Amino acid sequence: MQSHHKVDWRVLKGFGLHRNGSALGLRKVAPRSASVLAMLFVTLVQLAYASPFTPGNILVSVYDRAVVYEYTPSGVRVQTIPVPYPGVNYGSEYVRDLVVGPDGNLHVYNGTFDPYLSTYNPYTSTWVHRTYPGWSTANVVGIGGITAYQQFVYVTDMFTFGNGGQDVARGIVRFNLADSSGVRFADTIEFIDLVLGWDGLLYALDATQRVYVYDPVNLNLLRRITLSRSVRAIAVNAAGEIFGVPLFDPVIYRFNQNGTVVDSLNTGFNYMTDIDLSVDGKIVVGSWFGNVFLTDESLDQFSRFFIGEERTLF
C-alpha cells in the first residue's frame, strides 16, 4: 500500500470537475449497515453483529462484470460472489452499485435498461430479485446509485427509451422489502447517485451539481444544495457534510452543508467513480482503472491498493 498526503484545495481550483464494526466498500453505505462502490464500486462492511462479511472489509464490484468481491483493507481478496441476472441480458445489464442493509443482506443495483434489485443473503447464499415498472438508467459508467434504510432500499431512476414508453419515468424508486412493493418519487428529476447520510437523511445527486435532501420515511423534500464542484458520487457524514469524487480530476472533496468546498485530497489519479463512508469516519473510493483508495474524514493522507481489474465500483 502506498501512503500520500493531501494538498491545499486552492492549488487545485483550476481543475474543472463535473455506506459497531465496519467493513470498507466502494459505493454507498447505509447507517447501521454495510455498503459498496463501482467501476470499482465499493462499500464498507459495518455490521455490529456476526456476518459472513468481515467488519472492516471492502465489497467491490467491477463495471461489466457479474461479480462482487470482498477485500481486506490491505488489498487481499477473501471472497468472490457471482451475481446472477434474472432477465435477458443483451450486453448492457451489469452490476452498477451495492449496499449492505441493516439485516446484513447485500443489495445490488443489477442492470441498466431493465435493472433488478437483487438481494443476496450471505447466510444462505441465496438471491431474491425484484423490479419496478419503468425503472431504468443511462448506460454510462458510474451512474446508478443504491442505498438502504430500515426495511427500505432506494435506487436512482433515469429517463430512457423502451418498454413501450414506460422507461421515460425518472426519479427515485423505493422498495419496501417487507412486502416487495415499490413507489417512485421525485419524478421530475434524473439522479445519478444517492446515499443515506449518517445524519439519517437521504441525499440524491443529479448531473448538474445539485443535491436533493429527503426524509427517507415520508419522502418529503427538505432542502436543495448546489455543490461548488461537480462530482460523480457522494457520501455524507453525521454532520451533514458531503464528500464527493469527480470523474475527470484526481481530487476527493469535502463540502460543508451549504455545498462549499472546505477541504480536499489529491490522489494523483483521475476517473474516480464511487465513494463510501463508515460511521467511524473511514472513506473508501473506487476508480475506473482498478485502484481502491482508503482515507478518512480528515483527508490528511491516503493509502491505496490495486485489484488487478479496471472499472471498479463499491
C-alpha atoms as a PDB file:
ATOM      1  CA  MET A   1       0.000   0.000   0.000  1.00  0.00           C
ATOM      2  CA  GLN A   2       1.148   3.497  -0.712  1.00  0.00           C
ATOM      3  CA  SER A   3       0.640   6.488   1.569  1.00  0.00           C
ATOM      4  CA  HIS A   4       0.114  10.027   0.293  1.00  0.00           C
ATOM      5  CA  HIS A   5      -0.687  13.421   1.810  1.00  0.00           C
ATOM      6  CA  LYS A   6      -3.268  15.997   0.840  1.00  0.00           C
ATOM      7  CA  VAL A   7      -2.701  19.291  -0.955  1.00  0.00           C
ATOM      8  CA  ASP A   8      -4.449  22.570  -0.335  1.00  0.00           C
ATOM      9  CA  TRP A   9      -7.634  22.651  -2.463  1.00  0.00           C
ATOM     10  CA  ARG A  10      -6.887  26.192  -3.604  1.00  0.00           C
ATOM     11  CA  VAL A  11      -3.971  24.838  -5.610  1.00  0.00           C
ATOM     12  CA  LEU A  12      -6.445  22.642  -7.493  1.00  0.00           C
ATOM     13  CA  LYS A  13      -9.242  25.095  -8.156  1.00  0.00           C
ATOM     14  CA  GLY A  14      -8.238  25.463 -11.815  1.00  0.00           C
ATOM     15  CA  PHE A  15      -9.472  21.930 -12.458  1.00  0.00           C
ATOM     16  CA  GLY A  16     -12.984  21.597 -13.872  1.00  0.00           C
ATOM     17  CA  LEU A  17     -14.834  18.837 -12.028  1.00  0.00           C
ATOM     18  CA  HIS A  18     -18.157  17.892 -13.471  1.00  0.00           C
ATOM     19  CA  ARG A  19     -22.033   3.351   3.456  1.00  0.00           C
ATOM     20  CA  ASN A  20     -20.238  -1.316  15.715  1.00  0.00           C
ATOM     21  CA  GLY A  21     -17.558  -2.821  13.380  1.00  0.00           C
ATOM     22  CA  SER A  22     -17.082  -1.793   9.871  1.00  0.00           C
ATOM     23  CA  ALA A  23     -16.062  -3.256   6.565  1.00  0.00           C
ATOM     24  CA  LEU A  24     -14.927  -0.853   3.890  1.00  0.00           C
ATOM     25  CA  GLY A  25     -16.543  -0.917   0.457  1.00  0.00           C
ATOM     26  CA  LEU A  26     -16.869   1.309  -2.552  1.00  0.00           C
ATOM     27  CA  ARG A  27     -20.212   2.824  -3.218  1.00  0.00           C
ATOM     28  CA  LYS A  28     -22.932   3.724  -0.701  1.00  0.00           C
ATOM     29  CA  VAL A  29     -23.142   2.980   2.925  1.00  0.00           C
ATOM     30  CA  ALA A  30     -26.382   2.845   4.865  1.00  0.00           C
ATOM     31  CA  PRO A  31     -26.349   3.700   8.557  1.00  0.00           C
ATOM     32  CA  ARG A  32     -26.171   0.615  10.779  1.00  0.00           C
ATOM     33  CA  SER A  33     -25.325  -1.440   7.727  1.00  0.00           C
ATOM     34  CA  ALA A  34     -22.624  -2.143   5.201  1.00  0.00           C
ATOM     35  CA  SER A  35     -22.252  -0.602   1.802  1.00  0.00           C
ATOM     36  CA  VAL A  36     -20.401  -0.989  -1.533  1.00  0.00           C
ATOM     37  CA  LEU A  37     -18.819   1.294  -4.826  1.00  0.00           C
ATOM     38  CA  ALA A  38     -18.428   0.577  -8.774  1.00  0.00           C
ATOM     39  CA  MET A  39     -16.035   0.865 -11.735  1.00  0.00           C
ATOM     40  CA  LEU A  40     -14.817  -0.048  -8.969  1.00  0.00           C
ATOM     41  CA  PHE A  41     -17.966   0.366  -6.994  1.00  0.00           C
ATOM     42  CA  VAL A  42     -17.185  -0.066  -3.335  1.00  0.00           C
ATOM     43  CA  THR A  43     -18.856  -0.233   0.034  1.00  0.00           C
ATOM     44  CA  LEU A  44     -17.775  -0.621   3.618  1.00  0.00           C
ATOM     45  CA  VAL A  45     -18.904  -3.557   5.718  1.00  0.00           C
ATOM     46  CA  GLN A  46     -20.072  -2.107   9.010  1.00  0.00           C
ATOM     47  CA  LEU A  47     -22.153  -4.600  10.905  1.00  0.00           C
ATOM     48  CA  ALA A  48     -22.394  -4.792  14.664  1.00  0.00           C
ATOM     49  CA  TYR A  49     -23.293  -8.484  14.633  1.00  0.00           C
ATOM     50  CA  ALA A  50     -21.846 -11.675  13.207  1.00  0.00           C
ATOM     51  CA  SER A  51     -21.932 -11.796   9.419  1.00  0.00           C
ATOM     52  CA  PRO A  52     -20.321 -13.735   6.574  1.00  0.00           C
ATOM     53  CA  PHE A  53     -18.905 -10.328   5.576  1.00  0.00           C
ATOM     54  CA  THR A  54     -15.995  -9.356   7.798  1.00  0.00           C
ATOM     55  CA  PRO A  55     -16.372  -5.959   9.531  1.00  0.00           C
ATOM     56  CA  GLY A  56     -13.806  -3.508   8.167  1.00  0.00           C
ATOM     57  CA  ASN A  57     -13.556  -5.240   4.801  1.00  0.00           C
ATOM     58  CA  ILE A  58     -14.497  -3.731   1.445  1.00  0.00           C
ATOM     59  CA  LEU A  59     -17.055  -5.011  -1.044  1.00  0.00           C
ATOM     60  CA  VAL A  60     -16.137  -4.223  -4.643  1.00  0.00           C
ATOM     61  CA  SER A  61     -17.969  -4.665  -7.925  1.00  0.00           C
ATOM     62  CA  VAL A  62     -16.416  -4.202 -11.346  1.00  0.00           C
ATOM     63  CA  TYR A  63     -18.184  -2.489 -14.230  1.00  0.00           C
ATOM     64  CA  ASP A  64     -19.487  -5.027 -16.807  1.00  0.00           C
ATOM     65  CA  ARG A  65     -18.701  -7.988 -14.511  1.00  0.00           C
ATOM     66  CA  ALA A  66     -21.441 -10.019 -12.817  1.00  0.00           C
ATOM     67  CA  VAL A  67     -19.500 -10.429  -9.600  1.00  0.00           C
ATOM     68  CA  VAL A  68     -18.862  -8.888  -6.164  1.00  0.00           C
ATOM     69  CA  TYR A  69     -15.513  -9.248  -4.406  1.00  0.00           C
ATOM     70  CA  GLU A  70     -14.699  -8.882  -0.720  1.00  0.00           C
ATOM     71  CA  TYR A  71     -11.265  -7.419   0.099  1.00  0.00           C
ATOM     72  CA  THR A  72      -9.364  -6.699   3.275  1.00  0.00           C
ATOM     73  CA  PRO A  73      -8.167  -3.071   3.682  1.00  0.00           C
ATOM     74  CA  SER A  74      -4.689  -4.278   2.708  1.00  0.00           C
ATOM     75  CA  GLY A  75      -5.969  -5.485  -0.663  1.00  0.00           C
ATOM     76  CA  VAL A  76      -6.300  -9.252  -0.108  1.00  0.00           C
ATOM     77  CA  ARG A  77      -9.285 -10.820  -1.868  1.00  0.00           C
ATOM     78  CA  VAL A  78     -11.128 -13.139   0.530  1.00  0.00           C
ATOM     79  CA  GLN A  79     -14.419 -13.869  -1.233  1.00  0.00           C
ATOM     80  CA  THR A  80     -15.993 -13.866  -4.708  1.00  0.00           C
ATOM     81  CA  ILE A  81     -19.784 -13.755  -5.132  1.00  0.00           C
ATOM     82  CA  PRO A  82     -21.231 -14.304  -8.648  1.00  0.00           C
ATOM     83  CA  VAL A  83     -24.269 -12.079  -9.303  1.00  0.00           C
ATOM     84  CA  PRO A  84     -26.973 -13.691 -11.493  1.00  0.00           C
ATOM     85  CA  TYR A  85     -29.037 -11.503 -13.823  1.00  0.00           C
ATOM     86  CA  PRO A  86     -32.583 -12.935 -13.904  1.00  0.00           C
ATOM     87  CA  GLY A  87     -33.667 -11.416 -17.233  1.00  0.00           C
ATOM     88  CA  VAL A  88     -32.422 -11.486 -20.820  1.00  0.00           C
ATOM     89  CA  ASN A  89     -29.054  -9.740 -20.999  1.00  0.00           C
ATOM     90  CA  TYR A  90     -28.172  -8.168 -24.349  1.00  0.00           C
ATOM     91  CA  GLY A  91     -24.811  -6.980 -23.043  1.00  0.00           C
ATOM     92  CA  SER A  92     -25.721  -3.809 -21.135  1.00  0.00           C
ATOM     93  CA  GLU A  93     -27.106  -5.313 -17.927  1.00  0.00           C
ATOM     94  CA  TYR A  94     -24.432  -5.379 -15.232  1.00  0.00           C
ATOM     95  CA  VAL A  95     -23.838  -4.539 -11.571  1.00  0.00           C
ATOM     96  CA  ARG A  96     -23.997  -0.769 -11.066  1.00  0.00           C
ATOM     97  CA  ASP A  97     -23.895  -0.337  -7.300  1.00  0.00           C
ATOM     98  CA  LEU A  98     -24.138  -2.157  -3.979  1.00  0.00           C
ATOM     99  CA  VAL A  99     -25.205  -1.645  -0.396  1.00  0.00           C
ATOM    100  CA  VAL A 100     -25.408  -3.868   2.683  1.00  0.00           C
ATOM    101  CA  GLY A 101     -28.645  -3.364   4.583  1.00  0.00           C
ATOM    102  CA  PRO A 102     -29.267  -3.331   8.348  1.00  0.00           C
ATOM    103  CA  ASP A 103     -30.206  -7.029   8.139  1.00  0.00           C
ATOM    104  CA  GLY A 104     -26.778  -7.952   6.752  1.00  0.00           C
ATOM    105  CA  ASN A 105     -28.090  -8.776   3.272  1.00  0.00           C
ATOM    106  CA  LEU A 106     -26.311  -7.428   0.188  1.00  0.00           C
ATOM    107  CA  HIS A 107     -28.494  -5.381  -2.185  1.00  0.00           C
ATOM    108  CA  VAL A 108     -27.308  -4.949  -5.785  1.00  0.00           C
ATOM    109  CA  TYR A 109     -28.362  -2.450  -8.462  1.00  0.00           C
ATOM    110  CA  ASN A 110     -28.317  -5.185 -11.094  1.00  0.00           C
ATOM    111  CA  GLY A 111     -28.785  -3.906 -14.640  1.00  0.00           C
ATOM    112  CA  THR A 112     -29.196  -0.835 -16.840  1.00  0.00           C
ATOM    113  CA  PHE A 113     -32.239  -0.633 -19.123  1.00  0.00           C
ATOM    114  CA  ASP A 114     -34.033  -3.470 -17.311  1.00  0.00           C
ATOM    115  CA  PRO A 115     -32.496  -3.488 -13.842  1.00  0.00           C
ATOM    116  CA  TYR A 116     -33.361  -5.613 -10.842  1.00  0.00           C
ATOM    117  CA  LEU A 117     -32.903  -5.071  -7.147  1.00  0.00           C
ATOM    118  CA  SER A 118     -31.035  -8.301  -6.469  1.00  0.00           C
ATOM    119  CA  THR A 119     -30.748  -9.213  -2.784  1.00  0.00           C
ATOM    120  CA  TYR A 120     -28.164 -11.727  -1.588  1.00  0.00           C
ATOM    121  CA  ASN A 121     -28.492 -13.485   1.758  1.00  0.00           C
ATOM    122  CA  PRO A 122     -24.880 -14.263   2.783  1.00  0.00           C
ATOM    123  CA  TYR A 123     -26.063 -16.689   5.454  1.00  0.00           C
ATOM    124  CA  THR A 124     -27.883 -18.964   2.967  1.00  0.00           C
ATOM    125  CA  SER A 125     -26.105 -17.940  -0.286  1.00  0.00           C
ATOM    126  CA  THR A 126     -29.485 -17.322  -1.955  1.00  0.00           C
ATOM    127  CA  TRP A 127     -30.778 -14.494  -4.184  1.00  0.00           C
ATOM    128  CA  VAL A 128     -34.145 -12.713  -4.440  1.00  0.00           C
ATOM    129  CA  HIS A 129     -34.820 -10.412  -7.429  1.00  0.00           C
ATOM    130  CA  ARG A 130     -37.307  -7.508  -7.572  1.00  0.00           C
ATOM    131  CA  THR A 131     -38.025  -4.862 -10.200  1.00  0.00           C
ATOM    132  CA  TYR A 132     -40.384  -1.925 -10.815  1.00  0.00           C
ATOM    133  CA  PRO A 133     -42.256  -0.700 -13.941  1.00  0.00           C
ATOM    134  CA  GLY A 134     -40.323   1.924 -15.910  1.00  0.00           C
ATOM    135  CA  TRP A 135     -37.165   1.690 -13.793  1.00  0.00           C
ATOM    136  CA  SER A 136     -34.018   2.151 -15.903  1.00  0.00           C
ATOM    137  CA  THR A 137     -30.830   4.196 -16.110  1.00  0.00           C
ATOM    138  CA  ALA A 138     -28.465   5.586 -18.737  1.00  0.00           C
ATOM    139  CA  ASN A 139     -25.754   3.215 -19.942  1.00  0.00           C
ATOM    140  CA  VAL A 140     -22.953   5.414 -18.610  1.00  0.00           C
ATOM    141  CA  VAL A 141     -20.144   4.184 -16.403  1.00  0.00           C
ATOM    142  CA  GLY A 142     -20.526   5.101 -12.758  1.00  0.00           C
ATOM    143  CA  ILE A 143     -24.177   6.163 -12.984  1.00  0.00           C
ATOM    144  CA  GLY A 144     -26.782   4.388 -10.886  1.00  0.00           C
ATOM    145  CA  GLY A 145     -26.967   4.532  -7.097  1.00  0.00           C
ATOM    146  CA  ILE A 146     -28.422   2.419  -4.307  1.00  0.00           C
ATOM    147  CA  THR A 147     -28.776   2.839  -0.556  1.00  0.00           C
ATOM    148  CA  ALA A 148     -30.783   1.298   2.304  1.00  0.00           C
ATOM    149  CA  TYR A 149     -32.659   2.389   5.435  1.00  0.00           C
ATOM    150  CA  GLN A 150     -34.692   0.218   7.798  1.00  0.00           C
ATOM    151  CA  GLN A 151     -36.754  -2.129   5.559  1.00  0.00           C
ATOM    152  CA  PHE A 152     -36.362   0.124   2.503  1.00  0.00           C
ATOM    153  CA  VAL A 153     -33.941   0.145  -0.441  1.00  0.00           C
ATOM    154  CA  TYR A 154     -33.677   3.217  -2.697  1.00  0.00           C
ATOM    155  CA  VAL A 155     -32.404   3.299  -6.307  1.00  0.00           C
ATOM    156  CA  THR A 156     -31.902   6.040  -8.890  1.00  0.00           C
ATOM    157  CA  ASP A 157     -34.146   6.087 -11.987  1.00  0.00           C
ATOM    158  CA  MET A 158     -33.438   7.932 -15.264  1.00  0.00           C
ATOM    159  CA  PHE A 159     -35.266   8.797 -18.490  1.00  0.00           C
ATOM    160  CA  THR A 160     -34.546   6.185 -21.182  1.00  0.00           C
ATOM    161  CA  PHE A 161     -36.465   4.764 -24.139  1.00  0.00           C
ATOM    162  CA  GLY A 162     -38.012   1.314 -24.090  1.00  0.00           C
ATOM    163  CA  ASN A 163     -40.722  -0.919 -22.641  1.00  0.00           C
ATOM    164  CA  GLY A 164     -43.461   0.765 -24.643  1.00  0.00           C
ATOM    165  CA  GLY A 165     -42.622   4.200 -23.300  1.00  0.00           C
ATOM    166  CA  GLN A 166     -42.603   3.225 -19.611  1.00  0.00           C
ATOM    167  CA  ASP A 167     -38.878   3.925 -19.264  1.00  0.00           C
ATOM    168  CA  VAL A 168     -39.312   7.679 -19.706  1.00  0.00           C
ATOM    169  CA  ALA A 169     -40.107   7.709 -15.985  1.00  0.00           C
ATOM    170  CA  ARG A 170     -37.444   9.154 -13.698  1.00  0.00           C
ATOM    171  CA  GLY A 171     -36.742   9.969 -10.049  1.00  0.00           C
ATOM    172  CA  ILE A 172     -36.087   7.581  -7.163  1.00  0.00           C
ATOM    173  CA  VAL A 173     -37.711   4.181  -6.627  1.00  0.00           C
ATOM    174  CA  ARG A 174     -38.126   3.000  -3.030  1.00  0.00           C
ATOM    175  CA  PHE A 175     -38.588  -0.729  -2.485  1.00  0.00           C
ATOM    176  CA  ASN A 176     -40.215  -1.998   0.705  1.00  0.00           C
ATOM    177  CA  LEU A 177     -38.533  -5.327   1.438  1.00  0.00           C
ATOM    178  CA  ALA A 178     -41.316  -6.303   3.859  1.00  0.00           C
ATOM    179  CA  ASP A 179     -43.865  -6.756   1.063  1.00  0.00           C
ATOM    180  CA  SER A 180     -41.785  -6.226  -2.144  1.00  0.00           C
ATOM    181  CA  SER A 181     -43.864  -3.154  -3.032  1.00  0.00           C
ATOM    182  CA  GLY A 182     -42.348  -0.061  -4.601  1.00  0.00           C
ATOM    183  CA  VAL A 183     -43.043   3.639  -5.056  1.00  0.00           C
ATOM    184  CA  ARG A 184     -41.464   6.279  -7.307  1.00  0.00           C
ATOM    185  CA  PHE A 185     -40.959   9.822  -6.021  1.00  0.00           C
ATOM    186  CA  ALA A 186     -39.059  12.980  -7.055  1.00  0.00           C
ATOM    187  CA  ASP A 187     -40.273  12.019 -10.530  1.00  0.00           C
ATOM    188  CA  THR A 188     -39.253  15.221 -12.324  1.00  0.00           C
ATOM    189  CA  ILE A 189     -35.514  14.822 -11.629  1.00  0.00           C
ATOM    190  CA  GLU A 190     -32.852  12.489 -13.039  1.00  0.00           C
ATOM    191  CA  PHE A 191     -30.404  11.339 -10.381  1.00  0.00           C
ATOM    192  CA  ILE A 192     -27.002   9.728 -10.907  1.00  0.00           C
ATOM    193  CA  ASP A 193     -26.224   8.736  -7.305  1.00  0.00           C
ATOM    194  CA  LEU A 194     -27.782   8.643  -3.850  1.00  0.00           C
ATOM    195  CA  VAL A 195     -26.815   7.788  -0.279  1.00  0.00           C
ATOM    196  CA  LEU A 196     -28.324   7.531   3.175  1.00  0.00           C
ATOM    197  CA  GLY A 197     -26.301  10.024   5.187  1.00  0.00           C
ATOM    198  CA  TRP A 198     -25.132   9.255   8.703  1.00  0.00           C
ATOM    199  CA  ASP A 199     -27.463  12.070   9.781  1.00  0.00           C
ATOM    200  CA  GLY A 200     -30.375   9.796   8.816  1.00  0.00           C
ATOM    201  CA  LEU A 201     -31.406  11.723   5.685  1.00  0.00           C
ATOM    202  CA  LEU A 202     -31.497  10.653   2.036  1.00  0.00           C
ATOM    203  CA  TYR A 203     -29.175  12.599  -0.288  1.00  0.00           C
ATOM    204  CA  ALA A 204     -29.634  12.363  -4.083  1.00  0.00           C
ATOM    205  CA  LEU A 205     -27.216  13.834  -6.637  1.00  0.00           C
ATOM    206  CA  ASP A 206     -28.243  14.997 -10.108  1.00  0.00           C
ATOM    207  CA  ALA A 207     -25.938  15.680 -13.055  1.00  0.00           C
ATOM    208  CA  THR A 208     -25.918  19.459 -12.524  1.00  0.00           C
ATOM    209  CA  GLN A 209     -24.134  19.592  -9.140  1.00  0.00           C
ATOM    210  CA  ARG A 210     -27.385  19.733  -7.170  1.00  0.00           C
ATOM    211  CA  VAL A 211     -28.029  17.536  -4.135  1.00  0.00           C
ATOM    212  CA  TYR A 212     -31.626  16.992  -3.004  1.00  0.00           C
ATOM    213  CA  VAL A 213     -32.200  16.032   0.638  1.00  0.00           C
ATOM    214  CA  TYR A 214     -35.271  13.929   1.530  1.00  0.00           C
ATOM    215  CA  ASP A 215     -36.841  12.418   4.605  1.00  0.00           C
ATOM    216  CA  PRO A 216     -36.348   8.669   3.917  1.00  0.00           C
ATOM    217  CA  VAL A 217     -39.692   7.720   5.537  1.00  0.00           C
ATOM    218  CA  ASN A 218     -42.270  10.265   4.359  1.00  0.00           C
ATOM    219  CA  LEU A 219     -40.175  11.161   1.254  1.00  0.00           C
ATOM    220  CA  ASN A 220     -40.658  14.912   1.709  1.00  0.00           C
ATOM    221  CA  LEU A 221     -38.046  17.200   0.141  1.00  0.00           C
ATOM    222  CA  LEU A 222     -36.231  19.031   2.953  1.00  0.00           C
ATOM    223  CA  ARG A 223     -33.723  21.179   1.067  1.00  0.00           C
ATOM    224  CA  ARG A 224     -31.568  21.552  -2.034  1.00  0.00           C
ATOM    225  CA  ILE A 225     -27.814  22.096  -2.072  1.00  0.00           C
ATOM    226  CA  THR A 226     -25.731  23.281  -5.032  1.00  0.00           C
ATOM    227  CA  LEU A 227     -22.180  21.952  -4.844  1.00  0.00           C
ATOM    228  CA  SER A 228     -19.350  24.304  -5.772  1.00  0.00           C
ATOM    229  CA  ARG A 229     -17.611  21.464  -7.682  1.00  0.00           C
ATOM    230  CA  SER A 230     -19.050  18.836  -9.988  1.00  0.00           C
ATOM    231  CA  VAL A 231     -18.822  15.243  -8.708  1.00  0.00           C
ATOM    232  CA  ARG A 232     -19.946  11.793  -9.850  1.00  0.00           C
ATOM    233  CA  ALA A 233     -20.649  10.176  -6.431  1.00  0.00           C
ATOM    234  CA  ILE A 234     -21.256  11.316  -2.856  1.00  0.00           C
ATOM    235  CA  ALA A 235     -21.166  10.215   0.798  1.00  0.00           C
ATOM    236  CA  VAL A 236     -22.464  12.159   3.819  1.00  0.00           C
ATOM    237  CA  ASN A 237     -21.335  12.189   7.466  1.00  0.00           C
ATOM    238  CA  ALA A 238     -23.360  12.711  10.660  1.00  0.00           C
ATOM    239  CA  ALA A 239     -22.820  16.485  10.483  1.00  0.00           C
ATOM    240  CA  GLY A 240     -24.357  16.670   7.017  1.00  0.00           C
ATOM    241  CA  GLU A 241     -21.014  17.332   5.318  1.00  0.00           C
ATOM    242  CA  ILE A 242     -20.806  15.904   1.802  1.00  0.00           C
ATOM    243  CA  PHE A 243     -17.789  14.043   0.422  1.00  0.00           C
ATOM    244  CA  GLY A 244     -17.621  13.739  -3.353  1.00  0.00           C
ATOM    245  CA  VAL A 245     -15.406  12.467  -6.147  1.00  0.00           C
ATOM    246  CA  PRO A 246     -15.265  13.783  -9.738  1.00  0.00           C
ATOM    247  CA  LEU A 247     -14.704  11.565 -12.747  1.00  0.00           C
ATOM    248  CA  PHE A 248     -12.087  13.632 -14.555  1.00  0.00           C
ATOM    249  CA  ASP A 249      -9.976  15.052 -11.723  1.00  0.00           C
ATOM    250  CA  PRO A 250      -7.928  13.318  -9.005  1.00  0.00           C
ATOM    251  CA  VAL A 251      -9.493  15.075  -6.015  1.00  0.00           C
ATOM    252  CA  ILE A 252     -11.680  13.910  -3.120  1.00  0.00           C
ATOM    253  CA  TYR A 253     -13.723  16.880  -1.888  1.00  0.00           C
ATOM    254  CA  ARG A 254     -15.349  17.704   1.431  1.00  0.00           C
ATOM    255  CA  PHE A 255     -18.240  20.184   1.185  1.00  0.00           C
ATOM    256  CA  ASN A 256     -19.979  21.923   4.065  1.00  0.00           C
ATOM    257  CA  GLN A 257     -23.778  21.790   4.491  1.00  0.00           C
ATOM    258  CA  ASN A 258     -24.108  24.693   2.037  1.00  0.00           C
ATOM    259  CA  GLY A 259     -22.137  22.963  -0.731  1.00  0.00           C
ATOM    260  CA  THR A 260     -18.895  24.944  -0.412  1.00  0.00           C
ATOM    261  CA  VAL A 261     -15.568  23.106  -0.600  1.00  0.00           C
ATOM    262  CA  VAL A 262     -13.823  23.209   2.779  1.00  0.00           C
ATOM    263  CA  ASP A 263     -11.124  20.579   2.217  1.00  0.00           C
ATOM    264  CA  SER A 264      -9.738  18.230  -0.434  1.00  0.00           C
ATOM    265  CA  LEU A 265      -7.237  15.461  -1.046  1.00  0.00           C
ATOM    266  CA  ASN A 266      -5.365  14.947  -4.309  1.00  0.00           C
ATOM    267  CA  THR A 267      -4.945  11.220  -5.050  1.00  0.00           C
ATOM    268  CA  GLY A 268      -2.982  11.767  -8.247  1.00  0.00           C
ATOM    269  CA  PHE A 269      -5.409   9.508 -10.172  1.00  0.00           C
ATOM    270  CA  ASN A 270      -8.361  10.552 -12.335  1.00  0.00           C
ATOM    271  CA  TYR A 271     -11.548   8.582 -13.087  1.00  0.00           C
ATOM    272  CA  MET A 272     -12.799   8.027  -9.556  1.00  0.00           C
ATOM    273  CA  THR A 273     -16.279   6.512  -9.746  1.00  0.00           C
ATOM    274  CA  ASP A 274     -17.611   5.822  -6.263  1.00  0.00           C
ATOM    275  CA  ILE A 275     -17.189   6.756  -2.623  1.00  0.00           C
ATOM    276  CA  ASP A 276     -18.357   5.278   0.659  1.00  0.00           C
ATOM    277  CA  LEU A 277     -18.125   6.388   4.278  1.00  0.00           C
ATOM    278  CA  SER A 278     -18.387   4.380   7.504  1.00  0.00           C
ATOM    279  CA  VAL A 279     -19.908   5.570  10.765  1.00  0.00           C
ATOM    280  CA  ASP A 280     -16.417   5.918  12.303  1.00  0.00           C
ATOM    281  CA  GLY A 281     -15.187   8.187   9.503  1.00  0.00           C
ATOM    282  CA  LYS A 282     -13.363   5.757   7.200  1.00  0.00           C
ATOM    283  CA  ILE A 283     -13.643   6.578   3.489  1.00  0.00           C
ATOM    284  CA  VAL A 284     -13.184   4.240   0.528  1.00  0.00           C
ATOM    285  CA  VAL A 285     -13.102   5.344  -3.119  1.00  0.00           C
ATOM    286  CA  GLY A 286     -13.287   3.239  -6.286  1.00  0.00           C
ATOM    287  CA  SER A 287     -11.820   4.141  -9.666  1.00  0.00           C
ATOM    288  CA  TRP A 288     -12.026   3.250 -13.339  1.00  0.00           C
ATOM    289  CA  PHE A 289      -8.538   1.742 -13.512  1.00  0.00           C
ATOM    290  CA  GLY A 290      -8.816  -0.629 -10.555  1.00  0.00           C
ATOM    291  CA  ASN A 291      -7.381   1.479  -7.740  1.00  0.00           C
ATOM    292  CA  VAL A 292      -9.084   1.433  -4.346  1.00  0.00           C
ATOM    293  CA  PHE A 293      -8.254   4.453  -2.167  1.00  0.00           C
ATOM    294  CA  LEU A 294      -8.573   4.471   1.631  1.00  0.00           C
ATOM    295  CA  THR A 295      -8.642   7.630   3.728  1.00  0.00           C
ATOM    296  CA  ASP A 296     -10.786   9.205   6.457  1.00  0.00           C
ATOM    297  CA  GLU A 297     -12.814  12.355   7.044  1.00  0.00           C
ATOM    298  CA  SER A 298      -9.716  14.403   7.818  1.00  0.00           C
ATOM    299  CA  LEU A 299      -8.484  13.932   4.223  1.00  0.00           C
ATOM    300  CA  ASP A 300      -4.938  14.219   5.575  1.00  0.00           C
ATOM    301  CA  GLN A 301      -3.477  11.234   3.731  1.00  0.00           C
ATOM    302  CA  PHE A 302      -4.470   8.078   1.905  1.00  0.00           C
ATOM    303  CA  SER A 303      -3.357   4.575   1.028  1.00  0.00           C
ATOM    304  CA  ARG A 304      -4.357   2.514  -1.972  1.00  0.00           C
ATOM    305  CA  PHE A 305      -4.326  -0.972  -3.417  1.00  0.00           C
ATOM    306  CA  PHE A 306      -4.877  -2.286  -6.920  1.00  0.00           C
ATOM    307  CA  ILE A 307      -7.286  -5.118  -7.596  1.00  0.00           C
ATOM    308  CA  GLY A 308      -5.846  -6.028 -10.997  1.00  0.00           C
ATOM    309  CA  GLU A 309      -9.032  -5.197 -12.936  1.00  0.00           C
ATOM    310  CA  GLU A 310     -10.320  -1.991 -14.453  1.00  0.00           C
ATOM    311  CA  ARG A 311     -13.557  -0.148 -13.716  1.00  0.00           C
ATOM    312  CA  THR A 312     -14.136  -0.902 -10.052  1.00  0.00           C
ATOM    313  CA  LEU A 313     -17.160   0.140  -8.007  1.00  0.00           C
ATOM    314  CA  PHE A 314     -18.219  -0.201  -4.394  1.00  0.00           C
END
